[in-house]
Structures are given as structure tokens and as C-alpha cells.
């Protein structure tokens, strides 16, 4: 039989507030303050902060005799603690350096002591540690990877590509802390950050994905959609040509190849079956685009 056990109001057990046994809800510590931590509704003998306070009392009494002290000696190499925050420091190097605020773990949580230390361990390790954080790597991992997610399927116009490149350069200048009136050319900015225009990265991703799909089975939906794109049915579309993915792919292809018909698609499919040849084709297209954009 299922049943629910209810606690009787007349049951007596040791109280966690005063340490005595009494009826439920009637404990003498209610309305009084603890003599140890000064908090209400409990007595010092049941105080949960008693362990740390008692340890402090013993250390205080044994202050004149270090042999009887129960406190552990501090580590001369480092002190463990919780990282609280990072603060940027002035540095003449290319890498951004930070100070780390740590919380002394030997002190009670109500009396946290923050220690400001630099982050790289110098020779013979003083209490100072020096951390170097490469903002360029953080930008690539946290911003660029999200911005260019699934970019191989994009078909942006030239104006949209320019806006993406402008945003990319703006973020790189923030990484290098370049502000007005300091000026830097686009090529110098890319070389200093070991980066390239975002449109080049999108172009290379697009051609890698294109070759991957061409090597797959011809019956998958992606290949069927590409084959059906060049099948003309009905009257010709009137108006400005749409910027579709085949149009963007054909825009940067070299003069020996093109993507305007089903025959061109099958020719590219035969090239994609050989990975080395497709990699060389992608590299030539990327180098031609870099030369036109950066003027190399």
C-alpha cells in the first residue's frame, strides 16, 4: 500500500539551531543572535561557521609559537585561488597581456581578498605570473567561425562581399588596437594578422563544397537540384538576372572553363572525381581572386 509519512508536530529530536530536543517549531534559539557569527536564530554551539572561526581562534592563540599552529605554510611557488577577472595591462609587445585577479582560497568567503598578479611565470617564480592571450586566435574561434558558418552555400553579391570585408577589417583593427588617426593599408593589415579578405575565404569554401557534392552520387538531392537548374522550361525569365549560386561560381571561373549548361556541369564533375586536380583548380581560382582584390 502506498502511503505518505507525515511528521508529527509533537515529535522531538535534536534541533539544528539550538542543539536541544523540543517540540516542533518551538526552539529557544529563535529571536536570538549567535555569539560567534552574529547571525540570528541559532546558537554558537550549532553555528555552521564554527569550524573556520575555531581554526582562526587556534591560529590566533598559537601566533607566538609557530610550531603549534595548525595552519599550513603557504606554497612558495604559487597560491591556489579562484580567477575573478582579467584586466588589460600596458605592453609594448604585439601580444595583449592581462593581469589576473585571484581570490585567496585560504580566507573565508565572506572576507575574500583579491590579489592582483600578472600572468607569466618569471625566472625562479616570484608570486607573479604573466598570461598572454592572443586576441587574433580568439577572434577566429569565436567571431569568424560563427560569421562564416556554412558560407560554402552563400551566393552574395559583390556589394555584400564588400560589406563583409569591411566588417572583417574593422574587427582586425580592433584586435591590433589600431584607431584613428593611425592608418594602415588593407594588405598590410591582412599580412600583420595573417589573414585574407573574407570574400576569398568564402570563395574557397564554396568551391570545396562544390567539388564535394560533385563527387557524391548523382541521385542525391543536391546533384539533382544542380542538374535541374539548367533544364529550361516555359518562357524565358524577364527582368534582371538573379544572383544564384551557379552565377557566382561562373563569375570567378577561368576562361578555359564555364558553368552555363548541363554539359559544363558534367565536365566539372569529371574534374572533381580527381581530388588533386580539383584542389589545383580551387587554388588557381583563389590566387586569381586574391590578385584582383589585393593587387598582388
Protein backbone atom coordinates (compact mmCIF):
# COMPACT_ATOMS: atom_id res chain seq x y z
CA UNK A 1 0.00 0.00 0.00
CA UNK A 2 1.32 3.42 -0.91
CA UNK A 3 1.34 5.91 1.91
CA UNK A 4 2.82 9.27 2.77
CA UNK A 5 4.62 9.65 6.08
CA UNK A 6 3.81 12.95 7.79
CA UNK A 7 5.97 14.35 10.54
CA UNK A 8 4.10 14.84 13.77
CA UNK A 9 4.25 18.23 15.39
CA UNK A 10 4.71 16.56 18.78
CA UNK A 11 7.79 14.53 17.70
CA UNK A 12 11.05 15.53 19.37
CA UNK A 13 14.61 15.28 18.05
CA UNK A 14 17.85 17.23 18.35
CA UNK A 15 17.41 20.73 16.95
CA UNK A 16 19.97 22.01 14.45
CA UNK A 17 19.52 25.56 15.75
CA UNK A 18 19.96 25.16 19.49
CA UNK A 19 21.16 21.55 19.97
CA UNK A 20 18.39 20.53 22.37
CA UNK A 21 15.23 18.44 21.96
CA UNK A 22 11.91 20.25 21.95
CA UNK A 23 8.57 20.29 20.23
CA UNK A 24 8.36 21.10 16.55
CA UNK A 25 8.53 24.84 15.85
CA UNK A 26 9.30 25.79 19.45
CA UNK A 27 13.05 26.22 19.81
CA UNK A 28 14.56 28.65 22.31
CA UNK A 29 17.16 29.98 19.86
CA UNK A 30 14.50 31.74 17.81
CA UNK A 31 14.90 35.51 18.05
CA UNK A 32 18.44 35.35 19.46
CA UNK A 33 21.79 36.08 17.78
CA UNK A 34 24.77 33.75 17.51
CA UNK A 35 27.68 34.76 19.74
CA UNK A 36 30.17 33.65 17.10
CA UNK A 37 28.90 34.84 13.70
CA UNK A 38 26.29 37.35 14.98
CA UNK A 39 23.58 35.86 12.74
CA UNK A 40 20.02 35.34 14.09
CA UNK A 41 18.00 32.28 15.12
CA UNK A 42 20.79 29.88 16.20
CA UNK A 43 23.37 29.47 18.97
CA UNK A 44 27.15 29.37 18.77
CA UNK A 45 27.47 25.65 19.55
CA UNK A 46 25.39 24.82 16.44
CA UNK A 47 26.93 27.54 14.27
CA UNK A 48 27.93 26.19 10.84
CA UNK A 49 30.68 28.79 10.60
CA UNK A 50 32.20 27.45 13.79
CA UNK A 51 34.87 25.30 12.09
CA UNK A 52 36.55 28.15 10.22
CA UNK A 53 36.14 30.52 13.18
CA UNK A 54 37.58 27.97 15.58
CA UNK A 55 40.53 27.47 13.25
CA UNK A 56 41.13 31.21 13.28
CA UNK A 57 40.97 31.25 17.09
CA UNK A 58 43.58 28.48 17.35
CA UNK A 59 45.87 30.27 14.93
CA UNK A 60 45.45 33.48 16.93
CA UNK A 61 46.38 31.78 20.21
CA UNK A 62 49.34 29.99 18.62
CA UNK A 63 50.63 33.10 16.90
CA UNK A 64 53.65 33.37 19.20
CA UNK A 65 54.54 29.69 18.78
CA UNK A 66 54.59 28.72 15.08
CA UNK A 67 55.23 25.05 15.87
CA UNK A 68 51.74 24.68 17.40
CA UNK A 69 50.00 26.48 14.57
CA UNK A 70 47.67 24.20 12.58
CA UNK A 71 47.69 26.44 9.50
CA UNK A 72 49.62 25.10 6.52
CA UNK A 73 52.60 27.18 5.36
CA UNK A 74 52.00 29.00 2.08
CA UNK A 75 53.43 27.47 -1.07
CA UNK A 76 56.49 29.46 -2.12
CA UNK A 77 55.85 28.82 -5.82
CA UNK A 78 52.23 29.75 -6.24
CA UNK A 79 49.00 30.20 -4.33
CA UNK A 80 45.86 28.48 -5.50
CA UNK A 81 42.77 30.62 -5.90
CA UNK A 82 39.72 31.31 -8.00
CA UNK A 83 40.15 33.59 -11.01
CA UNK A 84 37.93 36.60 -10.56
CA UNK A 85 38.51 38.76 -13.63
CA UNK A 86 41.06 39.93 -16.20
CA UNK A 87 42.42 43.44 -16.55
CA UNK A 88 44.37 44.66 -19.55
CA UNK A 89 47.87 45.99 -18.89
CA UNK A 90 50.11 48.25 -20.93
CA UNK A 91 52.53 46.28 -23.07
CA UNK A 92 55.00 47.10 -25.80
CA UNK A 93 54.74 43.63 -27.33
CA UNK A 94 52.40 42.57 -30.11
CA UNK A 95 50.52 40.19 -27.82
CA UNK A 96 47.98 41.61 -25.41
CA UNK A 97 48.83 40.93 -21.76
CA UNK A 98 46.48 40.86 -18.82
CA UNK A 99 46.51 40.97 -15.06
CA UNK A 100 44.59 38.27 -13.25
CA UNK A 101 42.66 38.95 -10.05
CA UNK A 102 42.56 35.82 -7.90
CA UNK A 103 40.71 35.15 -4.69
CA UNK A 104 42.76 33.90 -1.75
CA UNK A 105 41.30 30.45 -1.11
CA UNK A 106 42.60 30.36 2.49
CA UNK A 107 40.28 33.19 3.56
CA UNK A 108 36.63 32.75 4.41
CA UNK A 109 34.23 33.52 1.54
CA UNK A 110 32.79 36.48 3.45
CA UNK A 111 36.24 38.07 3.59
CA UNK A 112 37.54 37.45 0.07
CA UNK A 113 40.93 39.04 -0.60
CA UNK A 114 41.70 39.82 -4.24
CA UNK A 115 45.33 39.66 -5.30
CA UNK A 116 46.39 41.46 -8.48
CA UNK A 117 49.09 39.42 -10.20
CA UNK A 118 50.47 39.46 -13.73
CA UNK A 119 50.20 36.22 -15.60
CA UNK A 120 53.64 34.65 -16.88
CA UNK A 121 55.87 32.75 -14.53
CA UNK A 122 59.20 34.61 -14.47
CA UNK A 123 62.55 33.06 -13.59
CA UNK A 124 62.59 31.38 -10.16
CA UNK A 125 58.89 32.14 -9.97
CA UNK A 126 58.02 35.04 -7.76
CA UNK A 127 54.37 35.47 -6.88
CA UNK A 128 53.86 36.99 -10.33
CA UNK A 129 52.52 35.10 -13.33
CA UNK A 130 52.05 36.61 -16.76
CA UNK A 131 49.33 35.44 -19.15
CA UNK A 132 49.48 36.19 -22.87
CA UNK A 133 46.19 35.99 -24.66
CA UNK A 134 46.26 36.12 -28.44
CA UNK A 135 43.15 38.04 -29.40
CA UNK A 136 43.62 37.02 -33.03
CA UNK A 137 43.02 33.37 -32.13
CA UNK A 138 40.01 34.32 -30.04
CA UNK A 139 38.59 36.31 -32.96
CA UNK A 140 39.00 33.36 -35.33
CA UNK A 141 37.48 30.92 -32.86
CA UNK A 142 34.59 33.00 -31.52
CA UNK A 143 33.69 35.56 -34.20
CA UNK A 144 34.92 34.46 -37.62
CA UNK A 145 33.80 30.85 -37.22
CA UNK A 146 30.25 31.99 -36.36
CA UNK A 147 30.18 34.68 -39.05
CA UNK A 148 31.21 32.29 -41.86
CA UNK A 149 29.18 29.27 -40.71
CA UNK A 150 28.02 27.28 -43.77
CA UNK A 151 29.40 30.01 -46.05
CA UNK A 152 30.01 27.47 -48.84
CA UNK A 153 26.30 27.70 -49.69
CA UNK A 154 26.21 31.50 -49.88
CA UNK A 155 25.69 33.42 -53.12
CA UNK A 156 26.39 37.05 -52.09
CA UNK A 157 26.52 39.95 -54.49
CA UNK A 158 29.69 41.99 -54.89
CA UNK A 159 28.32 44.78 -52.65
CA UNK A 160 27.53 42.24 -49.92
CA UNK A 161 31.04 40.82 -50.19
CA UNK A 162 32.49 44.32 -49.78
CA UNK A 163 30.41 44.85 -46.65
CA UNK A 164 31.66 41.55 -45.22
CA UNK A 165 35.27 42.51 -45.99
CA UNK A 166 34.79 45.90 -44.36
CA UNK A 167 33.42 44.31 -41.19
CA UNK A 168 36.31 41.81 -41.19
CA UNK A 169 38.90 44.60 -41.44
CA UNK A 170 37.18 46.55 -38.69
CA UNK A 171 37.47 43.58 -36.31
CA UNK A 172 41.13 43.03 -37.23
CA UNK A 173 41.89 46.67 -36.43
CA UNK A 174 40.29 46.21 -33.03
CA UNK A 175 42.48 43.16 -32.45
CA UNK A 176 45.59 45.24 -33.25
CA UNK A 177 44.22 48.25 -31.33
CA UNK A 178 44.54 50.49 -34.40
CA UNK A 179 42.40 53.59 -34.01
CA UNK A 180 42.04 56.92 -35.76
CA UNK A 181 44.19 58.82 -36.75
CA UNK A 182 46.52 55.83 -37.26
CA UNK A 183 46.14 54.44 -40.77
CA UNK A 184 47.11 51.10 -42.30
CA UNK A 185 46.64 49.67 -45.77
CA UNK A 186 44.41 46.66 -46.29
CA UNK A 187 47.26 44.45 -47.50
CA UNK A 188 49.42 45.41 -44.50
CA UNK A 189 46.52 44.71 -42.16
CA UNK A 190 45.96 41.25 -43.61
CA UNK A 191 49.68 40.42 -43.52
CA UNK A 192 50.06 41.60 -39.93
CA UNK A 193 47.14 39.43 -38.79
CA UNK A 194 48.00 36.53 -41.12
CA UNK A 195 44.53 36.86 -42.61
CA UNK A 196 42.94 37.43 -46.01
CA UNK A 197 39.72 39.05 -47.25
CA UNK A 198 36.60 37.31 -46.05
CA UNK A 199 35.33 37.06 -49.63
CA UNK A 200 38.37 34.91 -50.51
CA UNK A 201 37.67 32.60 -47.60
CA UNK A 202 34.02 32.27 -48.69
CA UNK A 203 35.05 31.64 -52.31
CA UNK A 204 37.42 28.83 -51.33
CA UNK A 205 34.80 27.24 -49.05
CA UNK A 206 32.24 27.43 -51.83
CA UNK A 207 34.47 25.61 -54.34
CA UNK A 208 35.48 22.96 -51.82
CA UNK A 209 31.82 22.23 -51.09
CA UNK A 210 31.00 22.27 -54.83
CA UNK A 211 33.66 19.63 -55.54
CA UNK A 212 32.48 17.51 -52.60
CA UNK A 213 28.92 17.45 -53.94
CA UNK A 214 30.06 16.66 -57.48
CA UNK A 215 31.91 13.59 -56.18
CA UNK A 216 28.78 12.29 -54.47
CA UNK A 217 26.10 10.09 -56.02
CA UNK A 218 24.17 11.78 -58.82
CA UNK A 219 20.85 10.81 -57.20
CA UNK A 220 21.27 12.85 -54.03
CA UNK A 221 19.03 15.95 -53.82
CA UNK A 222 21.93 18.41 -54.21
CA UNK A 223 23.08 16.90 -57.53
CA UNK A 224 19.51 16.60 -58.78
CA UNK A 225 18.93 20.27 -58.00
CA UNK A 226 22.09 21.26 -59.91
CA UNK A 227 21.09 19.15 -62.92
CA UNK A 228 17.56 20.54 -62.91
CA UNK A 229 18.82 24.13 -62.75
CA UNK A 230 19.96 24.06 -66.39
CA UNK A 231 16.74 22.47 -67.69
CA UNK A 232 14.80 25.30 -69.37
CA UNK A 233 11.04 25.01 -69.29
CA UNK A 234 8.48 27.55 -70.38
CA UNK A 235 9.20 31.14 -71.35
CA UNK A 236 12.43 32.90 -70.52
CA UNK A 237 12.52 34.90 -67.31
CA UNK A 238 12.19 38.63 -67.91
CA UNK A 239 13.99 41.17 -65.79
CA UNK A 240 17.37 41.49 -64.10
CA UNK A 241 19.25 38.16 -63.84
CA UNK A 242 19.12 36.68 -60.35
CA UNK A 243 22.33 36.23 -58.36
CA UNK A 244 22.22 32.47 -57.86
CA UNK A 245 24.95 30.08 -56.74
CA UNK A 246 25.82 28.92 -60.33
CA UNK A 247 26.09 32.57 -61.37
CA UNK A 248 28.51 33.27 -58.52
CA UNK A 249 30.53 30.14 -59.34
CA UNK A 250 30.73 31.08 -63.01
CA UNK A 251 31.78 34.64 -62.15
CA UNK A 252 35.25 33.67 -60.88
CA UNK A 253 35.97 30.66 -63.07
CA UNK A 254 38.84 30.97 -65.56
CA UNK A 255 38.43 31.34 -69.30
CA UNK A 256 39.03 27.66 -70.06
CA UNK A 257 36.00 26.56 -68.03
CA UNK A 258 32.49 27.82 -67.53
CA UNK A 259 29.25 26.84 -65.82
CA UNK A 260 26.37 27.77 -68.09
CA UNK A 261 24.90 24.44 -69.22
CA UNK A 262 24.50 20.80 -68.26
CA UNK A 263 27.50 19.94 -70.44
CA UNK A 264 29.70 22.34 -68.43
CA UNK A 265 28.41 20.80 -65.21
CA UNK A 266 29.32 17.28 -66.35
CA UNK A 267 32.77 18.47 -67.39
CA UNK A 268 33.37 19.92 -63.94
CA UNK A 269 32.01 16.71 -62.40
CA UNK A 270 34.66 14.69 -64.25
CA UNK A 271 37.39 17.02 -62.91
CA UNK A 272 36.03 16.74 -59.36
CA UNK A 273 36.45 12.97 -59.37
CA UNK A 274 40.21 13.57 -59.16
CA UNK A 275 40.78 15.34 -55.88
CA UNK A 276 44.26 16.59 -56.77
CA UNK A 277 43.04 18.24 -59.96
CA UNK A 278 40.12 19.85 -58.15
CA UNK A 279 42.44 21.15 -55.41
CA UNK A 280 44.69 22.72 -58.05
CA UNK A 281 41.68 24.28 -59.78
CA UNK A 282 40.47 25.75 -56.46
CA UNK A 283 43.95 27.12 -55.74
CA UNK A 284 44.16 28.81 -59.16
CA UNK A 285 40.75 30.41 -58.68
CA UNK A 286 41.72 31.62 -55.19
CA UNK A 287 45.04 33.08 -56.37
CA UNK A 288 43.34 34.90 -59.24
CA UNK A 289 40.77 36.39 -56.87
CA UNK A 290 43.47 37.47 -54.39
CA UNK A 291 45.47 39.12 -57.17
CA UNK A 292 42.44 41.09 -58.35
CA UNK A 293 41.42 42.21 -54.83
CA UNK A 294 44.82 42.88 -53.23
CA UNK A 295 46.69 43.84 -56.38
CA UNK A 296 49.49 41.27 -55.92
